[in-house]
Amino acid sequence: QVQLMETGGGSVQSGGSLRLSCTASGYTSGSYRMAWFRQGSGTGREGVASIDSRGLSGGAIYGGSVKGRFTVSQDNAESTLYLQMSSLKPDDTGVYYCAASYFFDGYYYPKSLEISDYRYWGQGTQVTVSS
């Protein structure tokens, strides 16, 4: 079965930076749509960033609260998607999740920050930003 694993979370001061990693395993072929989500204490899950089924070459979309501060990148050799987070704020605190859906029909599936568009989820990694 497809598995996703997030690493890189931790505690940082306001204005600092962290880089999260999402490594996928257990798949053999097809295209993918991937995203990062986060969930703060007592809040719903929020879309952070997404790439479409063409991969990073198709660009990325970002949630409004992180635009200009967060950037996704990819290491194809290691099947890893990164989330570089800069200028962190206390409001960025939460559990960050990697999500993916895999497709085998060759059609284009657009970027999405909608939870229901993703089948596989990692266990999450905690990010804490203090003032």
Protein backbone atom coordinates (compact mmCIF):
# COMPACT_ATOMS: atom_id res chain seq x y z
CA GLN A 1 0.00 0.00 0.00
CA VAL A 2 1.13 3.57 -0.64
CA GLN A 3 2.70 5.14 2.42
CA LEU A 4 3.64 8.74 3.15
CA MET A 5 5.99 9.88 5.88
CA GLU A 6 6.62 13.46 7.02
CA THR A 7 9.75 14.61 8.81
CA GLY A 8 11.35 17.91 9.73
CA GLY A 9 8.95 19.39 12.24
CA GLY A 10 10.11 21.09 15.40
CA SER A 11 10.06 24.28 17.43
CA VAL A 12 11.27 27.60 16.08
CA GLN A 13 11.11 31.28 17.01
CA SER A 14 8.88 33.65 15.11
CA GLY A 15 10.62 34.71 11.91
CA GLY A 16 12.59 31.49 11.66
CA SER A 17 12.54 28.73 9.06
CA LEU A 18 11.92 25.00 8.84
CA ARG A 19 11.95 22.49 5.99
CA LEU A 20 9.50 19.61 6.00
CA SER A 21 9.95 16.46 3.94
CA CYS A 22 7.35 14.02 2.62
CA THR A 23 8.63 10.70 1.33
CA ALA A 24 6.33 8.38 -0.60
CA SER A 25 6.75 4.62 -0.95
CA GLY A 26 4.77 1.57 -2.01
CA TYR A 27 3.70 2.72 -5.50
CA THR A 28 4.92 1.35 -8.84
CA SER A 29 3.55 3.54 -11.65
CA GLY A 30 1.17 6.31 -12.58
CA SER A 31 0.94 10.02 -11.90
CA TYR A 32 0.20 11.78 -8.64
CA ARG A 33 -1.36 14.81 -7.08
CA MET A 34 0.17 15.85 -3.78
CA ALA A 35 -0.42 18.47 -1.14
CA TRP A 36 0.50 19.72 2.29
CA PHE A 37 -2.19 20.41 4.86
CA ARG A 38 -2.02 21.61 8.43
CA GLN A 39 -4.25 21.58 11.46
CA GLY A 40 -3.89 23.91 14.42
CA SER A 41 -5.16 23.16 17.89
CA GLY A 42 -8.94 23.34 17.85
CA THR A 43 -9.10 24.22 14.15
CA GLY A 44 -10.00 22.41 10.97
CA ARG A 45 -7.52 21.05 8.47
CA GLU A 46 -6.22 23.78 6.13
CA GLY A 47 -4.68 23.44 2.69
CA VAL A 48 -1.10 24.74 2.52
CA ALA A 49 0.32 23.82 -0.89
CA SER A 50 -0.40 21.48 -3.80
CA ILE A 51 1.10 20.20 -7.03
CA ASP A 52 -0.96 18.60 -9.81
CA SER A 53 -0.62 15.23 -11.53
CA ARG A 54 2.09 16.60 -13.85
CA GLY A 55 4.33 17.03 -10.86
CA LEU A 56 6.27 20.08 -9.80
CA SER A 57 6.80 21.08 -13.44
CA GLY A 58 3.18 22.22 -13.41
CA GLY A 59 3.85 24.70 -10.64
CA ALA A 60 2.19 24.86 -7.26
CA ILE A 61 -0.65 26.62 -5.50
CA TYR A 62 -0.55 27.89 -1.95
CA GLY A 63 -3.04 28.78 0.71
CA GLY A 64 -3.53 32.50 1.09
CA SER A 65 -2.00 32.69 4.55
CA VAL A 66 1.34 31.19 3.42
CA LYS A 67 1.85 32.77 -0.01
CA GLY A 68 5.25 34.38 -0.33
CA ARG A 69 6.59 32.53 2.71
CA PHE A 70 6.29 28.80 1.89
CA THR A 71 7.74 27.02 -1.15
CA VAL A 72 7.49 23.42 -2.33
CA SER A 73 10.33 21.62 -4.08
CA GLN A 74 10.95 18.03 -5.14
CA ASP A 75 13.72 15.46 -5.16
CA ASN A 76 12.60 12.96 -7.82
CA ALA A 77 15.38 10.49 -7.10
CA GLU A 78 14.12 10.04 -3.55
CA SER A 79 10.39 10.47 -4.26
CA THR A 80 10.37 13.31 -1.76
CA LEU A 81 8.36 16.53 -1.69
CA TYR A 82 9.69 19.34 0.47
CA LEU A 83 7.98 22.28 2.10
CA GLN A 84 10.35 25.15 2.84
CA MET A 85 8.78 27.42 5.43
CA SER A 86 10.24 30.88 6.05
CA SER A 87 9.21 33.94 8.04
CA LEU A 88 7.26 31.67 10.33
CA LYS A 89 4.53 33.11 12.53
CA PRO A 90 2.82 31.73 15.65
CA ASP A 91 -0.29 31.22 13.51
CA ASP A 92 1.68 28.65 11.49
CA THR A 93 1.76 26.35 14.52
CA GLY A 94 0.08 23.01 13.96
CA VAL A 95 0.40 19.47 12.72
CA TYR A 96 1.48 19.35 9.08
CA TYR A 97 0.28 16.49 6.90
CA CYS A 98 1.39 15.24 3.51
CA ALA A 99 -1.36 13.91 1.24
CA ALA A 100 -1.42 12.19 -2.16
CA SER A 101 -3.67 10.59 -4.75
CA TYR A 102 -2.34 8.34 -7.52
CA PHE A 103 -3.76 7.95 -11.04
CA PHE A 104 -3.10 5.46 -13.84
CA ASP A 105 -5.28 6.78 -16.70
CA GLY A 106 -2.92 9.47 -17.97
CA TYR A 107 -5.44 12.27 -17.57
CA TYR A 108 -4.64 15.60 -15.99
CA TYR A 109 -5.78 16.09 -12.42
CA PRO A 110 -5.50 19.67 -11.21
CA LYS A 111 -3.92 21.07 -8.09
CA SER A 112 -6.22 20.98 -5.11
CA LEU A 113 -6.32 22.13 -1.52
CA GLU A 114 -9.50 20.14 -0.88
CA ILE A 115 -9.22 17.35 1.68
CA SER A 116 -11.62 15.07 -0.20
CA ASP A 117 -9.32 14.98 -3.25
CA TYR A 118 -6.69 12.95 -1.42
CA ARG A 119 -6.66 9.25 -0.65
CA TYR A 120 -3.37 8.74 1.20
CA TRP A 121 -2.15 10.65 4.22
CA GLY A 122 0.96 10.71 6.34
CA GLN A 123 0.88 10.66 10.12
CA GLY A 124 1.77 14.34 10.47
CA THR A 125 4.66 16.27 11.95
CA GLN A 126 4.37 18.97 14.60
CA VAL A 127 5.50 22.54 13.91
CA THR A 128 5.54 24.99 16.80
CA VAL A 129 6.33 28.68 16.30
CA SER A 130 6.83 30.78 19.42
CA SER A 131 6.82 34.56 19.70
